[in-house]
Amino acid sequence: MNIVSFLLLGFILGMRHATDADHVVAIATIVSRERGVAGSVLIGAAWGVGHTATVMAVGAAIIVFGVVIPPQIGLSMEFAVGIMLVLLGVLTLTGMGRAVGAAHAHASVPGGRALDLHDHLHAHGDYVHRHPQGRVPLAHGHAGEHVALARLDRYGRGWIAFHGWLRPFAVGIVHGLAGSAAVALMVLSVIPEPIAALGYLLLFGLGTIVGMMLITLILSAPFTFTAVNLPKFNWWLRVASGLVSFVFGLVLIYGIGFAQGGLFTDAPTWEPR
């Protein structure tokens, strides 16, 4: 019964683990691009799966094989979180610039009188392209006779769908690397049996997935609402999320890399957390 209670505690602590500040900042930056609640929840699930995969892999190596992680490697895994947050911030802010350009660009095309065409700059998330579009449905550049452009659109949307899953999954992997050692060492100190300890890690990971899905559900609400009703305010929300991610990442980079006992100091020290 004590083991069952501890395993249940692992699920609850996994849900709480999803609320760590660096996790919330990263996922909020990614969710800021979404315009639907369902897509945001799937982003949370993808992050949780990536996080759980690395926690299980690193945790199993520590629990089953007794692997000891040197301070330099441990600090490097945490340092990667700071770099990732900075990159997420930069990608969000530069993506915002492309979206604004797409929203305001409108240029006429010479020779388009027959179909009453004008040049249309078109955006699907981060994917921006230009195609001719008319005021009547048959004049739209995505029509069947415009095969190359229609194919480009299909490939672009397919890449966006894949990219929408890949980014949170990769972010979850990085976060999992940074926190897996602390979780595994804590479990090993309480549950010496490897099978039970791995079961704890699995439930911890499932709790993290559920917790992050709930967090993304909550975070997506203001972005989804303002995207439709207050587009200008939505733009500022996305800019703010990118700036927070960028600044938070810089703080982590300095604290983990250059502060006393940091990765790039003469005597790096690491305490898994």
Protein backbone atom coordinates (compact mmCIF):
# COMPACT_ATOMS: atom_id res chain seq x y z
CA MET A 1 0.00 0.00 0.00
CA ASN A 2 2.90 2.38 0.71
CA ILE A 3 4.31 1.72 -2.76
CA VAL A 4 0.91 2.37 -4.37
CA SER A 5 0.57 5.62 -2.44
CA PHE A 6 4.04 6.71 -3.51
CA LEU A 7 3.27 5.90 -7.15
CA LEU A 8 0.10 7.99 -6.92
CA LEU A 9 2.19 10.76 -5.41
CA GLY A 10 4.44 10.51 -8.46
CA PHE A 11 1.48 11.29 -10.74
CA ILE A 12 0.50 14.30 -8.61
CA LEU A 13 4.08 15.59 -8.43
CA GLY A 14 4.33 15.16 -12.19
CA MET A 15 1.34 17.47 -12.64
CA ARG A 16 2.96 19.97 -10.28
CA HIS A 17 6.28 19.66 -12.14
CA ALA A 18 4.55 20.92 -15.29
CA THR A 19 3.99 24.27 -13.55
CA ASP A 20 7.72 25.07 -13.17
CA ALA A 21 8.43 28.59 -14.36
CA ASP A 22 10.70 27.66 -17.29
CA HIS A 23 8.13 25.10 -18.49
CA VAL A 24 5.27 27.61 -18.41
CA VAL A 25 7.31 30.33 -20.13
CA ALA A 26 8.35 27.99 -22.95
CA ILE A 27 4.90 26.52 -23.56
CA ALA A 28 3.22 29.95 -23.37
CA THR A 29 5.56 31.19 -26.10
CA ILE A 30 4.62 28.25 -28.34
CA VAL A 31 0.89 28.42 -27.55
CA SER A 32 0.86 32.14 -28.41
CA ARG A 33 0.91 31.11 -32.09
CA GLU A 34 -2.20 28.97 -31.80
CA ARG A 35 -5.72 30.14 -32.60
CA GLY A 36 -7.59 27.12 -31.27
CA VAL A 37 -7.96 25.42 -27.91
CA ALA A 38 -7.68 21.89 -29.31
CA GLY A 39 -4.37 22.65 -31.04
CA SER A 40 -3.01 24.16 -27.85
CA VAL A 41 -3.90 21.09 -25.80
CA LEU A 42 -2.15 18.88 -28.36
CA ILE A 43 0.92 21.09 -28.03
CA GLY A 44 0.88 20.45 -24.29
CA ALA A 45 0.60 16.71 -24.93
CA ALA A 46 3.54 16.79 -27.37
CA TRP A 47 5.66 18.65 -24.82
CA GLY A 48 4.72 16.14 -22.14
CA VAL A 49 5.58 13.15 -24.34
CA GLY A 50 9.02 14.60 -25.13
CA HIS A 51 9.63 15.38 -21.47
CA THR A 52 8.53 11.91 -20.35
CA ALA A 53 10.66 10.17 -22.96
CA THR A 54 13.90 11.76 -21.70
CA VAL A 55 12.97 11.41 -18.01
CA MET A 56 12.40 7.69 -18.58
CA ALA A 57 15.59 7.25 -20.61
CA VAL A 58 17.93 9.16 -18.28
CA GLY A 59 16.13 7.94 -15.18
CA ALA A 60 16.43 4.31 -16.28
CA ALA A 61 20.16 4.76 -16.88
CA ILE A 62 20.59 6.13 -13.34
CA ILE A 63 18.27 3.65 -11.58
CA VAL A 64 19.12 0.44 -13.43
CA PHE A 65 22.75 0.96 -14.43
CA GLY A 66 23.90 3.35 -11.72
CA VAL A 67 25.06 5.99 -14.20
CA VAL A 68 26.57 9.06 -12.52
CA ILE A 69 26.19 12.37 -14.37
CA PRO A 70 29.26 14.66 -14.08
CA PRO A 71 28.66 18.27 -13.05
CA GLN A 72 29.68 19.60 -16.48
CA ILE A 73 27.09 17.45 -18.25
CA GLY A 74 24.40 18.22 -15.71
CA LEU A 75 25.02 21.95 -16.01
CA SER A 76 25.11 21.66 -19.80
CA MET A 77 21.64 20.07 -19.82
CA GLU A 78 20.26 22.92 -17.73
CA PHE A 79 22.19 25.50 -19.77
CA ALA A 80 20.45 24.14 -22.89
CA VAL A 81 17.11 25.20 -21.39
CA GLY A 82 18.27 28.82 -21.29
CA ILE A 83 19.46 28.70 -24.90
CA MET A 84 16.18 27.10 -25.96
CA LEU A 85 14.12 29.83 -24.26
CA VAL A 86 16.16 32.53 -25.99
CA LEU A 87 15.65 30.83 -29.36
CA LEU A 88 11.91 30.48 -28.74
CA GLY A 89 11.72 34.17 -27.94
CA VAL A 90 13.66 35.14 -31.08
CA LEU A 91 11.57 32.85 -33.30
CA THR A 92 8.35 34.24 -31.86
CA LEU A 93 9.41 37.86 -32.30
CA THR A 94 10.71 37.36 -35.85
CA GLY A 95 7.60 35.37 -36.73
CA MET A 96 5.53 38.29 -35.48
CA GLY A 97 7.34 40.55 -37.92
CA ARG A 98 6.45 38.28 -40.84
CA ALA A 99 2.83 38.06 -39.71
CA VAL A 100 2.53 41.85 -39.53
CA GLY A 101 4.03 42.18 -42.99
CA ALA A 102 1.56 39.65 -44.33
CA ALA A 103 -1.38 41.42 -42.76
CA HIS A 104 -0.59 44.82 -44.30
CA ALA A 105 0.91 43.96 -47.70
CA HIS A 106 -1.33 44.49 -50.73
CA ALA A 107 0.09 45.10 -54.19
CA SER A 108 -1.50 45.07 -57.65
CA VAL A 109 -0.26 42.74 -60.42
CA PRO A 110 0.17 44.09 -63.98
CA GLY A 111 -1.65 42.12 -66.63
CA GLY A 112 -4.20 40.69 -64.24
CA ARG A 113 -7.25 42.39 -65.79
CA ALA A 114 -8.71 39.24 -67.31
CA LEU A 115 -9.32 37.54 -63.98
CA ASP A 116 -9.28 40.75 -61.95
CA LEU A 117 -6.26 39.45 -60.07
CA HIS A 118 -4.29 41.18 -57.36
CA ASP A 119 -1.22 39.99 -55.50
CA HIS A 120 -2.08 38.40 -52.17
CA LEU A 121 0.47 37.81 -49.39
CA HIS A 122 -0.78 34.81 -47.48
CA ALA A 123 0.28 33.48 -44.06
CA HIS A 124 -0.24 30.12 -42.36
CA GLY A 125 1.40 30.62 -38.98
CA ASP A 126 5.12 31.04 -39.74
CA TYR A 127 4.68 30.00 -43.38
CA VAL A 128 4.23 33.05 -45.61
CA HIS A 129 3.84 33.00 -49.39
CA ARG A 130 2.48 35.16 -52.20
CA HIS A 131 -0.07 34.17 -54.84
CA PRO A 132 -2.52 35.86 -57.22
CA GLN A 133 -6.10 36.19 -56.01
CA GLY A 134 -9.18 37.65 -57.63
CA ARG A 135 -12.50 38.96 -56.40
CA VAL A 136 -14.34 35.95 -57.79
CA PRO A 137 -13.78 32.38 -56.50
CA LEU A 138 -12.43 31.01 -59.80
CA ALA A 139 -9.77 33.68 -59.86
CA HIS A 140 -8.17 32.54 -56.60
CA GLY A 141 -4.55 31.48 -56.90
CA HIS A 142 -5.27 28.20 -55.09
CA ALA A 143 -7.60 26.98 -57.83
CA GLY A 144 -6.93 23.70 -59.59
CA GLU A 145 -5.46 25.32 -62.70
CA HIS A 146 -2.74 26.92 -60.58
CA VAL A 147 -1.20 23.54 -59.79
CA ALA A 148 2.22 24.71 -58.57
CA LEU A 149 0.79 27.22 -56.13
CA ALA A 150 -1.85 24.82 -54.88
CA ARG A 151 0.81 22.17 -54.31
CA LEU A 152 2.97 24.69 -52.49
CA ASP A 153 0.03 25.46 -50.21
CA ARG A 154 -0.55 21.78 -49.45
CA TYR A 155 3.11 21.17 -48.66
CA GLY A 156 3.26 24.34 -46.57
CA ARG A 157 0.28 23.35 -44.46
CA GLY A 158 1.66 19.83 -44.05
CA TRP A 159 4.95 21.22 -42.81
CA ILE A 160 3.15 23.51 -40.38
CA ALA A 161 1.21 20.57 -38.92
CA PHE A 162 4.43 18.58 -38.48
CA HIS A 163 6.31 21.61 -37.18
CA GLY A 164 3.51 22.31 -34.70
CA TRP A 165 4.14 18.93 -33.06
CA LEU A 166 7.91 18.88 -33.48
CA ARG A 167 8.68 22.12 -31.67
CA PRO A 168 6.92 21.36 -28.34
CA PHE A 169 8.18 17.76 -28.50
CA ALA A 170 11.79 18.99 -28.84
CA VAL A 171 11.28 21.57 -26.09
CA GLY A 172 9.92 18.83 -23.84
CA ILE A 173 13.00 16.71 -24.52
CA VAL A 174 15.31 19.55 -23.46
CA HIS A 175 13.30 20.18 -20.30
CA GLY A 176 13.29 16.46 -19.55
CA LEU A 177 17.07 16.29 -19.81
CA ALA A 178 17.43 19.18 -17.38
CA GLY A 179 15.24 17.67 -14.67
CA SER A 180 15.52 13.91 -15.13
CA ALA A 181 18.56 13.37 -12.90
CA ALA A 182 16.97 15.07 -9.88
CA VAL A 183 13.77 13.05 -10.23
CA ALA A 184 15.61 9.74 -10.66
CA LEU A 185 17.94 10.33 -7.70
CA MET A 186 15.02 11.29 -5.48
CA VAL A 187 13.10 8.15 -6.44
CA LEU A 188 16.14 5.91 -5.98
CA SER A 189 16.67 7.24 -2.46
CA VAL A 190 13.13 6.25 -1.48
CA ILE A 191 12.37 3.20 -3.67
CA PRO A 192 15.44 0.95 -4.02
CA GLU A 193 13.59 -1.59 -6.20
CA PRO A 194 14.27 -0.71 -9.87
CA ILE A 195 10.88 -1.88 -11.21
CA ALA A 196 8.92 0.15 -8.68
CA ALA A 197 11.20 3.15 -9.23
CA LEU A 198 10.65 2.97 -13.01
CA GLY A 199 6.91 2.70 -12.38
CA TYR A 200 7.13 5.92 -10.36
CA LEU A 201 8.95 7.64 -13.23
CA LEU A 202 6.30 6.51 -15.70
CA LEU A 203 3.45 7.84 -13.54
CA PHE A 204 5.45 11.02 -12.94
CA GLY A 205 5.69 11.42 -16.71
CA LEU A 206 1.98 10.77 -17.23
CA GLY A 207 1.20 13.34 -14.56
CA THR A 208 3.46 15.82 -16.36
CA ILE A 209 1.62 15.23 -19.64
CA VAL A 210 -1.79 15.77 -18.02
CA GLY A 211 -0.54 18.81 -16.10
CA MET A 212 0.89 20.45 -19.21
CA MET A 213 -2.29 19.78 -21.19
CA LEU A 214 -4.26 21.59 -18.49
CA ILE A 215 -1.77 24.46 -18.46
CA THR A 216 -1.93 24.90 -22.23
CA LEU A 217 -5.72 24.79 -22.04
CA ILE A 218 -5.64 27.71 -19.60
CA LEU A 219 -2.92 29.64 -21.45
CA SER A 220 -4.65 29.27 -24.82
CA ALA A 221 -7.83 31.05 -23.65
CA PRO A 222 -6.57 34.67 -23.89
CA PHE A 223 -4.72 34.04 -27.15
CA THR A 224 -7.72 32.32 -28.76
CA PHE A 225 -10.18 35.00 -27.64
CA THR A 226 -8.06 37.99 -28.65
CA ALA A 227 -7.04 36.44 -31.99
CA VAL A 228 -10.66 36.75 -33.14
CA ASN A 229 -11.97 39.73 -31.19
CA LEU A 230 -8.90 41.85 -30.42
CA PRO A 231 -6.25 41.11 -33.07
CA LYS A 232 -4.06 44.08 -32.17
CA PHE A 233 -4.07 43.12 -28.48
CA ASN A 234 -3.34 39.54 -29.51
CA TRP A 235 -0.28 40.81 -31.36
CA TRP A 236 0.95 42.55 -28.21
CA LEU A 237 0.33 39.40 -26.15
CA ARG A 238 2.47 37.40 -28.54
CA VAL A 239 5.21 40.03 -28.48
CA ALA A 240 5.13 39.96 -24.68
CA SER A 241 5.41 36.17 -24.58
CA GLY A 242 8.42 36.30 -26.91
CA LEU A 243 10.14 38.97 -24.82
CA VAL A 244 9.50 37.10 -21.54
CA SER A 245 10.95 33.92 -23.02
CA PHE A 246 14.01 35.78 -24.35
CA VAL A 247 14.75 37.59 -21.05
CA PHE A 248 14.05 34.52 -18.90
CA GLY A 249 16.43 32.51 -21.08
CA LEU A 250 19.18 35.11 -20.71
CA VAL A 251 18.78 35.02 -16.92
CA LEU A 252 19.11 31.23 -16.93
CA ILE A 253 22.14 31.36 -19.22
CA TYR A 254 23.92 33.75 -16.89
CA GLY A 255 22.95 31.94 -13.69
CA ILE A 256 23.86 28.45 -14.96
CA GLY A 257 26.80 29.37 -17.14
CA PHE A 258 28.63 32.30 -15.56
CA ALA A 259 27.54 32.78 -11.93
CA GLN A 260 29.60 31.28 -9.10
CA GLY A 261 29.98 27.53 -9.65
CA GLY A 262 28.56 27.83 -13.15
CA LEU A 263 29.37 25.79 -16.21
CA PHE A 264 32.06 28.13 -17.54
CA THR A 265 33.74 28.90 -14.22
CA ASP A 266 36.92 27.31 -12.89
CA ALA A 267 35.08 25.11 -10.39
CA PRO A 268 31.64 24.15 -11.74
CA THR A 269 29.29 22.66 -9.16
CA TRP A 270 25.94 21.05 -9.90
CA GLU A 271 23.08 20.06 -7.64
CA PRO A 272 20.28 18.26 -9.54
CA ARG A 273 16.95 20.05 -9.11
